[in-house]
C-alpha cells in the first residue's frame, strides 16, 4: 500500500550508513597518519572486503527501495526530483574531491553509479516487467540480469575503457586511480538482485518490511531515512575535524 511505512528498510540502510561512517573515519585517521601501524586500505582484504560489503548493502537497499517505488506506482515527477538530488550531489562530490585529491578525484563514485543505475531501472527494466516484480518471468529476468552484470567485467575487458571517460562501464583492465569507484558493471547486478528480492518480499512477505520496528532500532531507521544528507555531510565533518585537531596539536 502506498501509505505503508518501511522503517525496517530504513533500519537496514541505517546499518550501511553507520558502517560507512566508521569505515571513513578509520580511512581519515590513516590519511592523517594517526593509525599505528599505518593501514593499506587499497590492498588489505580486511578493508577492501568491508568496502565491498558496504557498497553492496547500499545498492541492495537501493534495489529494495526501487521495488517499493515500482509497486507503489511512483510518479515520474517524483522519481526525477529524487534523481536530480542524487545526480546533483554526485557532481558536488566530484568538485569537492578534485579540491582535496586532485590526482585521485572522483569522477564515477557511488552516487554517480546509483544515478545511472536508477535511470536504467526506471526506463529500461521496470517498463518491461510491467510492475509485476514477483512473477516468475520478472524474477528470472532480474536474477539472470543481475548475474550477467556481475560476471560481465570478468568476461569482457578492454584497454579502451581504461581512460577516464570509459571508467563508468566497469570494463577496465586495471583499477582506476580514484578515491571512489562504483561502475555500472558489476554493481548494477546487486541493485537488480535487490529489486528482485524487494518484489518478492512485497508480494509474499510484506510484513518483513512493514512490521513493527523494535524501539532499539529506531535510531538506525532515522539515519536510514536520510542517507543522502548524511553521505554528503559526514566526510566534510570528519575530515574538517581531524584537520582542525591536527592544526591545534
Protein backbone atom coordinates (compact mmCIF):
# COMPACT_ATOMS: atom_id res chain seq x y z
CA UNK A 1 0.00 0.00 0.00
CA UNK A 2 1.34 3.46 -0.86
CA UNK A 3 0.78 4.68 2.70
CA UNK A 4 2.80 1.91 4.36
CA UNK A 5 5.91 2.80 6.35
CA UNK A 6 9.10 0.92 5.60
CA UNK A 7 11.03 1.53 8.80
CA UNK A 8 12.72 -1.85 8.54
CA UNK A 9 14.19 -0.92 5.17
CA UNK A 10 15.33 2.38 6.65
CA UNK A 11 16.96 0.50 9.54
CA UNK A 12 18.82 -1.78 7.12
CA UNK A 13 20.03 1.29 5.25
CA UNK A 14 20.96 2.77 8.62
CA UNK A 15 23.29 -0.19 9.26
CA UNK A 16 25.07 0.62 5.98
CA UNK A 17 25.35 4.27 7.00
CA UNK A 18 26.88 3.53 10.42
CA UNK A 19 29.31 1.06 8.85
CA UNK A 20 30.25 3.58 6.14
CA UNK A 21 30.89 6.39 8.63
CA UNK A 22 33.05 4.12 10.79
CA UNK A 23 34.98 2.96 7.73
CA UNK A 24 35.56 6.51 6.51
CA UNK A 25 36.63 7.64 9.97
CA UNK A 26 39.28 4.92 10.01
CA UNK A 27 40.30 5.93 6.47
CA UNK A 28 40.62 9.58 7.51
CA UNK A 29 42.67 8.67 10.60
CA UNK A 30 45.01 6.75 8.33
CA UNK A 31 45.17 9.65 5.87
CA UNK A 32 46.33 11.96 8.67
CA UNK A 33 48.85 9.33 9.85
CA UNK A 34 47.03 8.79 13.13
CA UNK A 35 46.82 4.99 12.88
CA UNK A 36 49.72 2.89 14.10
CA UNK A 37 50.64 0.82 12.26
CA UNK A 38 49.54 2.57 9.04
CA UNK A 39 46.83 0.71 7.15
CA UNK A 40 46.80 -0.28 3.47
CA UNK A 41 43.16 0.43 2.63
CA UNK A 42 43.53 -0.25 -1.09
CA UNK A 43 45.05 -3.74 -0.83
CA UNK A 44 44.43 -5.20 2.64
CA UNK A 45 41.46 -7.64 2.42
CA UNK A 46 40.31 -6.55 5.88
CA UNK A 47 39.49 -3.13 4.40
CA UNK A 48 38.74 -3.96 0.76
CA UNK A 49 36.17 -6.61 1.72
CA UNK A 50 34.49 -4.17 4.10
CA UNK A 51 34.22 -1.58 1.35
CA UNK A 52 32.68 -4.17 -0.98
CA UNK A 53 30.18 -5.18 1.70
CA UNK A 54 29.21 -1.56 2.46
CA UNK A 55 28.63 -0.66 -1.21
CA UNK A 56 26.74 -3.93 -1.74
CA UNK A 57 24.45 -3.19 1.20
CA UNK A 58 23.73 0.32 -0.07
CA UNK A 59 22.92 -0.94 -3.57
CA UNK A 60 20.82 -3.79 -2.22
CA UNK A 61 18.81 -1.19 -0.27
CA UNK A 62 18.57 0.94 -3.41
CA UNK A 63 17.09 -2.05 -5.24
CA UNK A 64 14.65 -2.71 -2.40
CA UNK A 65 13.68 0.97 -2.48
CA UNK A 66 13.05 0.82 -6.21
CA UNK A 67 10.83 -2.23 -5.70
CA UNK A 68 8.78 -0.21 -3.22
CA UNK A 69 8.58 2.67 -5.72
CA UNK A 70 7.53 0.41 -8.61
CA UNK A 71 4.88 -1.38 -6.55
CA UNK A 72 3.54 1.97 -5.27
CA UNK A 73 3.35 3.41 -8.80
CA UNK A 74 5.79 6.25 -8.12
CA UNK A 75 5.12 9.20 -10.44
CA UNK A 76 7.69 10.30 -13.00
CA UNK A 77 7.94 13.76 -11.44
CA UNK A 78 8.75 12.32 -8.01
CA UNK A 79 11.33 9.94 -9.47
CA UNK A 80 13.10 12.65 -11.45
CA UNK A 81 13.04 15.04 -8.50
CA UNK A 82 14.80 12.48 -6.32
CA UNK A 83 17.14 11.53 -9.16
CA UNK A 84 18.15 15.18 -9.62
CA UNK A 85 19.12 15.31 -5.94
CA UNK A 86 21.33 12.23 -6.29
CA UNK A 87 22.90 13.45 -9.54
CA UNK A 88 23.47 16.94 -8.15
CA UNK A 89 25.18 15.53 -5.07
CA UNK A 90 27.35 13.34 -7.32
CA UNK A 91 28.57 16.47 -9.10
CA UNK A 92 29.34 18.11 -5.76
CA UNK A 93 31.33 15.04 -4.73
CA UNK A 94 33.38 15.30 -7.93
CA UNK A 95 34.04 19.00 -7.35
CA UNK A 96 34.93 18.57 -3.69
CA UNK A 97 37.20 15.58 -4.29
CA UNK A 98 39.01 17.48 -7.05
CA UNK A 99 39.95 20.14 -4.49
CA UNK A 100 41.15 17.68 -1.83
CA UNK A 101 42.52 14.89 -4.05
CA UNK A 102 43.40 16.50 -7.40
CA UNK A 103 45.24 13.40 -8.64
CA UNK A 104 42.57 10.92 -7.48
CA UNK A 105 39.35 12.92 -7.77
CA UNK A 106 36.08 11.03 -8.00
CA UNK A 107 34.57 11.01 -11.48
CA UNK A 108 32.36 7.93 -11.02
CA UNK A 109 31.76 7.03 -7.40
CA UNK A 110 28.81 5.51 -5.61
CA UNK A 111 26.40 8.43 -6.21
CA UNK A 112 27.33 8.62 -9.90
CA UNK A 113 26.76 4.88 -10.19
CA UNK A 114 23.42 4.99 -8.40
CA UNK A 115 22.24 7.90 -10.59
CA UNK A 116 22.96 5.95 -13.80
CA UNK A 117 21.57 2.68 -12.45
CA UNK A 118 18.32 4.31 -11.33
CA UNK A 119 17.74 5.61 -14.85
CA UNK A 120 18.48 2.19 -16.34
CA UNK A 121 15.99 0.57 -13.95
CA UNK A 122 13.32 3.23 -14.39
CA UNK A 123 13.49 3.48 -18.19
CA UNK A 124 14.86 0.09 -19.20
CA UNK A 125 13.96 -2.58 -16.67
CA UNK A 126 10.73 -1.62 -14.87
CA UNK A 127 8.64 -0.95 -18.04
CA UNK A 128 9.48 -4.41 -19.37
CA UNK A 129 8.35 -6.05 -16.16
CA UNK A 130 5.04 -4.22 -16.02
CA UNK A 131 5.32 -3.69 -12.28
CA UNK A 132 4.91 -7.44 -11.64
CA UNK A 133 8.22 -7.90 -9.88
CA UNK A 134 7.23 -11.14 -8.14
CA UNK A 135 6.15 -13.04 -11.26
CA UNK A 136 8.28 -15.97 -12.37
CA UNK A 137 9.23 -14.11 -15.54
CA UNK A 138 10.27 -10.96 -13.69
CA UNK A 139 12.22 -12.88 -11.06
CA UNK A 140 14.03 -14.85 -13.74
CA UNK A 141 14.96 -11.70 -15.66
CA UNK A 142 16.12 -9.83 -12.57
CA UNK A 143 18.19 -12.65 -11.10
CA UNK A 144 19.59 -13.60 -14.50
CA UNK A 145 20.28 -9.99 -15.46
CA UNK A 146 21.93 -9.39 -12.11
CA UNK A 147 24.19 -12.41 -12.53
CA UNK A 148 25.12 -11.27 -16.05
CA UNK A 149 26.00 -7.78 -14.77
CA UNK A 150 28.17 -9.23 -12.00
CA UNK A 151 30.05 -11.51 -14.39
CA UNK A 152 30.36 -9.13 -17.34
CA UNK A 153 33.56 -7.33 -16.21
CA UNK A 154 35.26 -10.69 -15.75
CA UNK A 155 34.31 -11.82 -19.25
CA UNK A 156 34.83 -8.61 -21.21
CA UNK A 157 37.60 -6.12 -20.59
CA UNK A 158 39.37 -3.77 -22.97
CA UNK A 159 42.13 -1.14 -22.62
CA UNK A 160 39.83 1.26 -24.47
CA UNK A 161 37.84 1.67 -21.25
CA UNK A 162 40.92 2.41 -19.14
CA UNK A 163 40.57 6.11 -20.00
CA UNK A 164 38.59 8.19 -17.51
CA UNK A 165 35.67 8.60 -19.93
CA UNK A 166 35.22 4.82 -20.01
CA UNK A 167 35.54 4.08 -16.30
CA UNK A 168 31.77 4.20 -15.78
CA UNK A 169 31.33 0.93 -17.70
CA UNK A 170 33.45 -1.18 -15.36
CA UNK A 171 35.03 -2.97 -18.36
CA UNK A 172 38.52 -1.74 -17.44
CA UNK A 173 41.68 -3.84 -17.43
CA UNK A 174 43.07 -2.16 -14.31
CA UNK A 175 41.56 -0.46 -11.27
CA UNK A 176 41.41 3.32 -11.82
CA UNK A 177 43.36 5.66 -9.53
CA UNK A 178 40.48 7.42 -7.79
CA UNK A 179 39.17 7.84 -4.24
CA UNK A 180 35.88 6.10 -5.03
CA UNK A 181 34.86 3.88 -7.92
CA UNK A 182 31.46 2.22 -8.37
CA UNK A 183 30.94 1.47 -12.08
CA UNK A 184 27.68 0.26 -13.60
CA UNK A 185 29.20 -3.19 -14.13
CA UNK A 186 29.27 -5.23 -11.96
CA UNK A 187 27.35 -3.16 -9.38
CA UNK A 188 24.11 -2.99 -11.36
CA UNK A 189 23.82 -6.70 -10.59
CA UNK A 190 23.49 -6.04 -6.86
CA UNK A 191 20.79 -3.42 -7.42
CA UNK A 192 18.86 -5.78 -9.72
CA UNK A 193 19.01 -8.51 -7.10
CA UNK A 194 17.74 -6.02 -4.52
CA UNK A 195 14.88 -5.21 -6.90
CA UNK A 196 14.11 -8.93 -7.26
CA UNK A 197 14.18 -9.51 -3.50
CA UNK A 198 12.04 -6.45 -2.89
CA UNK A 199 9.43 -7.51 -5.44
CA UNK A 200 9.18 -10.98 -3.92
CA UNK A 201 9.05 -9.73 -0.32
CA UNK A 202 6.43 -7.04 -1.03
CA UNK A 203 4.18 -9.64 -2.65
CA UNK A 204 4.67 -12.64 -0.37
CA UNK A 205 6.26 -11.43 2.89
CA UNK A 206 5.29 -7.77 3.08
CA UNK A 207 5.39 -7.78 6.88
CA UNK A 208 9.17 -8.29 6.69
CA UNK A 209 9.39 -4.64 5.60
CA UNK A 210 6.28 -3.13 7.19
CA UNK A 211 6.09 -4.92 10.53
CA UNK A 212 6.70 -3.08 13.81
CA UNK A 213 10.29 -1.99 14.31
CA UNK A 214 11.95 -2.72 17.68
CA UNK A 215 12.47 0.53 19.58
CA UNK A 216 16.20 -0.17 19.86
CA UNK A 217 16.48 0.13 16.07
CA UNK A 218 14.70 3.49 15.86
CA UNK A 219 17.99 5.36 15.60
CA UNK A 220 19.08 3.26 12.64
CA UNK A 221 15.76 3.90 10.91
CA UNK A 222 16.17 7.65 11.49
CA UNK A 223 19.61 7.54 9.88
CA UNK A 224 18.39 5.33 7.04
CA UNK A 225 15.62 7.79 6.16
CA UNK A 226 18.27 10.49 5.50
CA UNK A 227 21.00 8.69 3.53
CA UNK A 228 21.86 11.42 1.03
CA UNK A 229 22.14 14.14 3.66
CA UNK A 230 24.39 12.04 5.87
CA UNK A 231 26.50 10.86 2.95
CA UNK A 232 27.19 14.43 1.87
CA UNK A 233 27.90 15.81 5.34
CA UNK A 234 29.80 13.10 7.20
CA UNK A 235 33.13 13.30 5.35
CA UNK A 236 33.46 17.11 5.40
CA UNK A 237 32.71 16.99 9.15
CA UNK A 238 35.14 14.14 9.88
CA UNK A 239 37.86 15.48 7.60
CA UNK A 240 37.47 19.04 8.85
CA UNK A 241 37.52 17.97 12.50
CA UNK A 242 40.70 15.98 12.03
CA UNK A 243 42.35 18.84 10.15
CA UNK A 244 41.42 21.23 12.98
CA UNK A 245 42.64 18.79 15.63
CA UNK A 246 45.98 18.40 13.87
CA UNK A 247 46.38 22.15 13.49
CA UNK A 248 45.74 22.69 17.21
CA UNK A 249 48.06 19.93 18.49
